[in-house]
Structures are given as C-alpha cells and as structure tokens.
Amino acid sequence: MRAAPTAAWVWVFTAYSLAVTTVSAAWFARRFAADRGEVLGLVASLAWQGAIYAAWLPAAGVVWLTLRRFGAGARGLAASFVAGIAVVPAEAVIASLIDALFLGDGDLGARTLGRTPVCLLLYSAIVAVGLAAAHHRRAREASDRNALLESALAQARAVAPTPQAERLMVMSGARRIPVELSAVEWFGAADNYAVVHWAGGEGLLRATLQSLEAKLDPRLFARAHRSSLVNLAHVREARPLSDGSWRLTMAGGDEVVTSRTYRDALLQRLGTTAPGSSHAPPSAPGESRGRPA
C-alpha cells in the first residue's frame, strides 16, 4: 500500500466498500421482502441496492475535489460540511426514487425523510475516508521531500572536505577578520549587508544575499529563506514541520527555517525535484524563520 499512489488505494477501498455494502444491503432487502410476504430475486435485490450505493460515487468525487481544493484542515472540513447540506438531501431523494422503482408508488416525502439519517451517516463516512486519504498523501509527500533533502545534504558534505581557499573579510565590532568561506554556516540578510555566521562568531559583510548566492557553489550554499542562505555541509539536523517547511539545525546550534515557498526551490537548485511541485524561486516577502538576521 505504501508503494501505491494514494488515489489507487482509495479507489480500491471504494470498490471494496461498494461491493460489500451492496451485497449486505441486498441480503437485508430480501429479508425485508420476505417479511412482507413478497419474493425478491437475487438479481433484483443486487440491482436495487447497487443502484442506490452507486449513486454515492459522484458524492465521493465532490468530497475528494473539495478536499483537494481546500486541503485536509479546518477549511476543507468546513467546505465538506457546506457541500453536505446539498449532497445529503439530494442522495436521500435519489435513493427514495430508486426505492419507488422496486417497491412501487409511495410517499416520496416520507421515504426521503426516512433515508436522510442513513445518507448523513454515509456522507460522514466518505468525508472521514477523504480526510484520511488527504492526510496520508500529504504525509507521504513530506516524507519524500525530506528524503530528497537528506540526499542533498549528504552530497554537500561529500563536497565540503575540500578546503575553499577564498576568505571573507568580515567586520566584527571595530575589527576586520578573515573567515574561510568553508567555515561559514549561514548568511543572514541585513539591508545591504550580509550577517556571516560561523562557529563561535558572527560579523557583517558588505554584500547582498543575492550577489553571494550567484557566486557561491550551489551544491554547498542554498537559499533557505528570502533572508537566509545556508551552507548545507554544516546542517547538523533537518526536521520537517507541520506546515511543510523545514527547521535546519546548524553545526553551531543556530536554527534556520526553510519556508515552504523556498523548500522546493532549494531542492531544484540542488538538482533534485520535490514530489508534486514545480515552483520557481520566489521573491514574496512576509515569511519568518527561526532566527532573525
């Protein structure tokens, strides 16, 4: 099941549920007919109940599209509830009309009202399955993205052992001190300056993150946020967060959050592709990270 796409096992579960529910309901329908002194054939009972529950397939499609559009959180649940206001009565009317085909004429209103509680229960079950499928898909994609990041970090550490001769002249207080580029853990933005962080120290460099990113080795240095540039070889730990971002713990203990908007761009910059994404490096402001520059 883990190797199969989420949509595949959802359809398998749907087919299984439809078949089992149809057979079980058909058995009860025959018992109901027998109690009334009527004879209901096997084919007729299966056709009757099969038609009723097959009518729920479009409703399941509505739930799936709603959750795809609004997500599996509170917005998706609220949207599913609103959709249910229309779906549940419609399914109750459809089931009542199908009943009339097999049982003859009757009070459509009374049948619809009698069907409504069962329709509400079925709709709630469909929403629950849809939420479980959406969460499973999101968790699997997050796991795949994290695996890609770990692979990129491993590649960066393999590149890192070669010392980079270039040194940066960093302003630390009133002094200018040389810092080897390979020792830099991450850069933070500060207007027209970059805050250089290395083991046990930090200082200012007159350069923008954009200019640094353009000239540094992309296998080692990658943008994690609009105001941070990290040396992947110094990432000690990477943890996925619930909102899809990553918290990177650097070798010196600093924490830098890779925002969702830069998450896939970071992987693409490293020559990998995040599952289900084709984002370009963003430039929108208004995001936060673990430590201010």
Protein backbone atom coordinates (compact mmCIF):
# COMPACT_ATOMS: atom_id res chain seq x y z
CA MET A 1 0.00 0.00 0.00
CA ARG A 2 2.88 2.39 0.72
CA ALA A 3 4.25 1.90 -2.79
CA ALA A 4 0.86 2.57 -4.43
CA PRO A 5 -0.36 6.12 -5.10
CA THR A 6 -2.95 7.41 -2.66
CA ALA A 7 -5.61 7.64 -5.38
CA ALA A 8 -5.07 3.95 -6.23
CA TRP A 9 -5.73 2.57 -2.79
CA VAL A 10 -8.64 4.99 -2.30
CA TRP A 11 -10.29 3.58 -5.42
CA VAL A 12 -9.59 0.01 -4.29
CA PHE A 13 -11.15 0.76 -0.91
CA THR A 14 -14.12 2.44 -2.64
CA ALA A 15 -14.73 -0.58 -4.89
CA TYR A 16 -14.46 -2.95 -1.93
CA SER A 17 -16.83 -0.88 0.20
CA LEU A 18 -19.35 -0.56 -2.64
CA ALA A 19 -19.35 -4.30 -3.31
CA VAL A 20 -19.60 -5.36 0.35
CA THR A 21 -22.27 -2.77 1.19
CA THR A 22 -24.34 -3.70 -1.87
CA VAL A 23 -24.27 -7.42 -1.07
CA SER A 24 -25.09 -6.85 2.61
CA ALA A 25 -27.91 -4.41 1.83
CA ALA A 26 -29.30 -6.77 -0.82
CA TRP A 27 -29.48 -9.57 1.77
CA PHE A 28 -31.43 -7.34 4.17
CA ALA A 29 -33.68 -6.19 1.29
CA ARG A 30 -34.61 -9.81 0.55
CA ARG A 31 -35.33 -10.41 4.23
CA PHE A 32 -37.50 -7.28 4.27
CA ALA A 33 -39.45 -8.50 1.24
CA ALA A 34 -39.87 -11.95 2.79
CA ASP A 35 -41.29 -10.42 5.99
CA ARG A 36 -43.88 -8.66 3.84
CA GLY A 37 -44.76 -11.92 2.11
CA GLU A 38 -43.11 -10.90 -1.13
CA VAL A 39 -40.41 -12.60 -3.16
CA LEU A 40 -37.44 -10.51 -4.23
CA GLY A 41 -34.99 -12.21 -6.55
CA LEU A 42 -31.23 -12.14 -6.03
CA VAL A 43 -30.56 -10.15 -9.21
CA ALA A 44 -33.31 -7.65 -8.42
CA SER A 45 -32.06 -7.11 -4.86
CA LEU A 46 -28.49 -6.58 -6.06
CA ALA A 47 -29.65 -4.19 -8.79
CA TRP A 48 -31.78 -2.25 -6.28
CA GLN A 49 -29.11 -1.77 -3.67
CA GLY A 50 -26.32 -1.46 -6.21
CA ALA A 51 -28.11 1.46 -7.87
CA ILE A 52 -28.62 3.20 -4.51
CA TYR A 53 -24.99 2.97 -3.44
CA ALA A 54 -23.56 3.61 -6.91
CA ALA A 55 -25.34 6.96 -6.73
CA TRP A 56 -22.87 7.87 -3.97
CA LEU A 57 -19.88 7.78 -6.33
CA PRO A 58 -20.47 11.36 -7.58
CA ALA A 59 -20.79 12.47 -3.93
CA ALA A 60 -17.43 10.85 -3.18
CA GLY A 61 -15.98 12.77 -6.13
CA VAL A 62 -17.37 16.02 -4.73
CA VAL A 63 -15.72 15.32 -1.35
CA TRP A 64 -12.39 14.47 -2.96
CA LEU A 65 -12.39 17.60 -5.12
CA THR A 66 -13.40 19.73 -2.13
CA LEU A 67 -10.52 18.42 -0.04
CA ARG A 68 -8.09 18.84 -2.94
CA ARG A 69 -9.23 22.45 -3.31
CA PHE A 70 -9.38 23.46 0.37
CA GLY A 71 -6.98 20.98 1.98
CA ALA A 72 -7.46 18.49 4.79
CA GLY A 73 -7.54 21.06 7.59
CA ALA A 74 -10.33 23.15 9.08
CA ARG A 75 -11.11 24.87 5.75
CA GLY A 76 -11.53 21.54 3.99
CA LEU A 77 -13.74 20.17 6.77
CA ALA A 78 -15.92 23.30 6.73
CA ALA A 79 -16.21 23.17 2.93
CA SER A 80 -17.20 19.50 3.10
CA PHE A 81 -19.87 20.35 5.67
CA VAL A 82 -21.29 23.06 3.39
CA ALA A 83 -21.27 20.67 0.43
CA GLY A 84 -23.08 18.09 2.57
CA ILE A 85 -26.02 20.47 3.02
CA ALA A 86 -26.77 19.90 -0.67
CA VAL A 87 -25.39 16.39 -1.14
CA VAL A 88 -27.22 14.60 1.72
CA PRO A 89 -30.77 15.66 0.76
CA ALA A 90 -30.02 15.00 -2.93
CA GLU A 91 -28.82 11.47 -2.15
CA ALA A 92 -31.90 10.88 0.05
CA VAL A 93 -34.19 11.89 -2.84
CA ILE A 94 -32.29 9.71 -5.33
CA ALA A 95 -32.45 6.70 -3.02
CA SER A 96 -36.18 7.26 -2.49
CA LEU A 97 -36.79 7.39 -6.25
CA ILE A 98 -34.85 4.14 -6.70
CA ASP A 99 -36.91 2.59 -3.91
CA ALA A 100 -40.05 3.59 -5.78
CA LEU A 101 -38.86 1.73 -8.87
CA PHE A 102 -38.57 -1.53 -6.94
CA LEU A 103 -41.30 -1.13 -4.31
CA GLY A 104 -43.90 0.71 -6.30
CA ASP A 105 -45.50 4.06 -5.62
CA GLY A 106 -45.41 5.52 -2.15
CA ASP A 107 -45.00 8.68 -0.17
CA LEU A 108 -41.80 10.16 -1.61
CA GLY A 109 -41.51 12.72 1.16
CA ALA A 110 -41.76 10.11 3.92
CA ARG A 111 -39.24 7.86 2.18
CA THR A 112 -36.83 10.77 1.70
CA LEU A 113 -37.11 11.72 5.35
CA GLY A 114 -36.53 8.10 6.37
CA ARG A 115 -33.47 7.84 4.15
CA THR A 116 -31.87 11.10 5.40
CA PRO A 117 -30.22 9.76 8.61
CA VAL A 118 -28.56 6.92 6.68
CA CYS A 119 -27.44 9.35 3.98
CA LEU A 120 -25.96 11.64 6.64
CA LEU A 121 -24.06 8.70 8.11
CA LEU A 122 -22.75 7.62 4.70
CA TYR A 123 -21.68 11.14 3.82
CA SER A 124 -19.82 11.49 7.14
CA ALA A 125 -18.02 8.20 6.44
CA ILE A 126 -17.00 9.40 2.97
CA VAL A 127 -15.63 12.65 4.40
CA ALA A 128 -13.69 10.71 7.05
CA VAL A 129 -12.12 8.47 4.38
CA GLY A 130 -11.33 11.52 2.24
CA LEU A 131 -9.62 13.27 5.15
CA ALA A 132 -7.58 10.14 5.93
CA ALA A 133 -6.53 9.85 2.28
CA ALA A 134 -5.59 13.55 2.08
CA HIS A 135 -3.51 13.35 5.26
CA HIS A 136 -1.83 10.15 4.02
CA ARG A 137 -0.93 11.80 0.73
CA ARG A 138 0.42 14.93 2.42
CA ALA A 139 2.47 12.88 4.90
CA ARG A 140 3.91 10.75 2.11
CA GLU A 141 4.90 13.78 0.03
CA ALA A 142 6.51 15.36 3.09
CA SER A 143 8.46 12.15 3.71
CA ASP A 144 9.63 12.07 0.09
CA ARG A 145 10.72 15.71 0.24
CA ASN A 146 12.63 15.10 3.44
CA ALA A 147 14.39 12.13 1.85
CA LEU A 148 15.44 14.37 -1.06
CA LEU A 149 16.77 16.96 1.38
CA GLU A 150 18.77 14.34 3.28
CA SER A 151 20.25 13.19 -0.02
CA ALA A 152 21.18 16.77 -0.92
CA LEU A 153 22.79 17.29 2.49
CA ALA A 154 24.82 14.11 2.04
CA GLN A 155 26.05 15.37 -1.34
CA ALA A 156 27.01 18.72 0.20
CA ARG A 157 29.00 17.03 2.98
CA ALA A 158 30.82 15.00 0.36
CA VAL A 159 31.86 18.19 -1.42
CA ALA A 160 32.78 20.06 1.74
CA PRO A 161 36.05 18.34 2.77
CA THR A 162 37.94 20.19 0.03
CA PRO A 163 39.03 23.45 1.75
CA GLN A 164 38.00 26.58 -0.07
CA ALA A 165 40.94 28.95 -0.21
CA GLU A 166 38.73 32.00 -0.51
CA ARG A 167 38.45 34.09 2.62
CA LEU A 168 35.91 36.73 3.51
CA MET A 169 36.93 39.91 5.31
CA VAL A 170 34.21 40.19 7.91
CA MET A 171 33.59 43.19 10.15
CA SER A 172 33.30 42.08 13.76
CA GLY A 173 32.97 45.10 16.01
CA ALA A 174 35.78 47.53 15.12
CA ARG A 175 37.93 44.83 13.54
CA ARG A 176 38.03 43.16 10.15
CA ILE A 177 38.87 39.48 10.44
CA PRO A 178 39.39 36.84 7.76
CA VAL A 179 36.90 33.94 7.72
CA GLU A 180 37.33 30.93 5.46
CA LEU A 181 34.32 30.50 3.22
CA SER A 182 34.16 26.79 4.03
CA ALA A 183 33.74 27.65 7.73
CA VAL A 184 30.66 29.82 7.14
CA GLU A 185 27.49 28.11 8.37
CA TRP A 186 24.93 30.56 7.05
CA PHE A 187 24.36 34.12 5.91
CA GLY A 188 21.53 36.35 7.07
CA ALA A 189 20.26 39.47 5.29
CA ALA A 190 20.66 42.94 6.86
CA ASP A 191 19.78 45.58 4.26
CA ASN A 192 22.86 45.94 2.02
CA TYR A 193 24.93 43.71 4.29
CA ALA A 194 25.04 40.01 5.00
CA VAL A 195 25.42 38.73 8.55
CA VAL A 196 28.05 35.98 8.43
CA HIS A 197 27.63 33.17 10.96
CA TRP A 198 30.42 30.71 11.61
CA ALA A 199 31.43 28.53 14.54
CA GLY A 200 31.66 30.80 17.56
CA GLY A 201 31.25 34.10 15.80
CA GLU A 202 29.31 36.43 13.55
CA GLY A 203 30.04 39.60 11.67
CA LEU A 204 28.99 41.80 8.78
CA LEU A 205 29.95 41.51 5.13
CA ARG A 206 29.16 44.25 2.63
CA ALA A 207 27.26 42.12 0.14
CA THR A 208 23.67 41.12 -0.56
CA LEU A 209 22.42 37.57 -0.32
CA GLN A 210 21.52 37.68 -3.99
CA SER A 211 25.09 38.51 -5.00
CA LEU A 212 26.50 35.83 -2.67
CA GLU A 213 24.09 33.21 -3.96
CA ALA A 214 25.08 33.98 -7.56
CA LYS A 215 28.78 33.29 -6.98
CA LEU A 216 28.79 30.52 -4.36
CA ASP A 217 28.80 26.77 -5.11
CA PRO A 218 25.10 25.75 -5.35
CA ARG A 219 25.98 22.27 -4.09
CA LEU A 220 27.01 23.85 -0.78
CA PHE A 221 25.12 27.12 -0.42
CA ALA A 222 21.38 27.29 -0.99
CA ARG A 223 18.68 29.84 -0.22
CA ALA A 224 16.51 28.70 2.68
CA HIS A 225 14.51 31.90 3.02
CA ARG A 226 14.35 35.35 1.46
CA SER A 227 16.70 36.49 4.22
CA SER A 228 18.95 33.48 4.77
CA LEU A 229 21.49 31.46 2.79
CA VAL A 230 22.78 28.25 4.36
CA ASN A 231 25.87 26.10 3.92
CA LEU A 232 24.32 22.65 3.61
CA ALA A 233 27.55 20.96 4.68
CA HIS A 234 27.07 22.49 8.14
CA VAL A 235 23.48 21.34 8.59
CA ARG A 236 23.51 19.01 11.55
CA GLU A 237 19.83 18.09 11.51
CA ALA A 238 16.78 18.77 9.32
CA ARG A 239 13.29 18.34 10.71
CA PRO A 240 10.05 18.74 8.73
CA LEU A 241 7.43 20.99 10.33
CA SER A 242 3.67 20.56 10.25
CA ASP A 243 3.20 23.40 7.75
CA GLY A 244 5.53 21.79 5.19
CA SER A 245 8.63 23.85 6.00
CA TRP A 246 11.92 22.55 7.45
CA ARG A 247 13.85 23.52 10.55
CA LEU A 248 17.57 23.26 9.87
CA THR A 249 19.86 22.98 12.90
CA MET A 250 23.34 24.16 12.04
CA ALA A 251 26.56 22.71 13.43
CA GLY A 252 26.98 25.70 15.75
CA GLY A 253 23.47 25.34 17.17
CA ASP A 254 21.67 28.05 15.18
CA GLU A 255 18.28 27.16 13.75
CA VAL A 256 17.12 28.35 10.34
CA VAL A 257 13.66 27.59 8.98
CA THR A 258 13.35 26.83 5.29
CA SER A 259 10.00 28.31 4.34
CA ARG A 260 7.51 26.41 2.20
CA THR A 261 7.98 28.81 -0.70
CA TYR A 262 11.73 28.13 -0.80
CA ARG A 263 11.51 24.44 0.07
CA ASP A 264 11.08 23.15 -3.49
CA ALA A 265 13.30 25.84 -4.98
CA LEU A 266 16.09 24.65 -2.70
CA LEU A 267 15.77 21.08 -3.96
CA GLN A 268 15.63 22.21 -7.58
CA ARG A 269 18.76 24.31 -7.04
CA LEU A 270 20.50 21.15 -5.85
CA GLY A 271 19.47 19.20 -8.92
CA THR A 272 16.58 17.31 -7.34
CA THR A 273 12.84 17.74 -7.73
CA ALA A 274 10.31 17.76 -4.92
CA PRO A 275 7.32 15.45 -5.47
CA GLY A 276 4.30 17.15 -6.95
CA SER A 277 5.89 20.55 -7.31
CA SER A 278 7.33 22.84 -9.96
CA HIS A 279 7.78 26.09 -8.07
CA ALA A 280 10.32 28.67 -9.15
CA PRO A 281 12.43 30.53 -6.59
CA PRO A 282 10.02 33.01 -5.02
CA SER A 283 10.52 36.61 -4.04
CA ALA A 284 7.40 37.26 -1.96
CA PRO A 285 8.01 38.88 1.42
CA GLY A 286 6.31 38.23 4.70
CA GLU A 287 7.80 34.92 5.77
CA SER A 288 9.50 34.11 9.05
CA ARG A 289 12.38 31.92 10.08
CA GLY A 290 13.87 30.51 13.24
CA ARG A 291 16.47 33.22 13.95
CA PRO A 292 16.42 36.82 12.79
CA ALA A 293 19.40 38.04 10.81
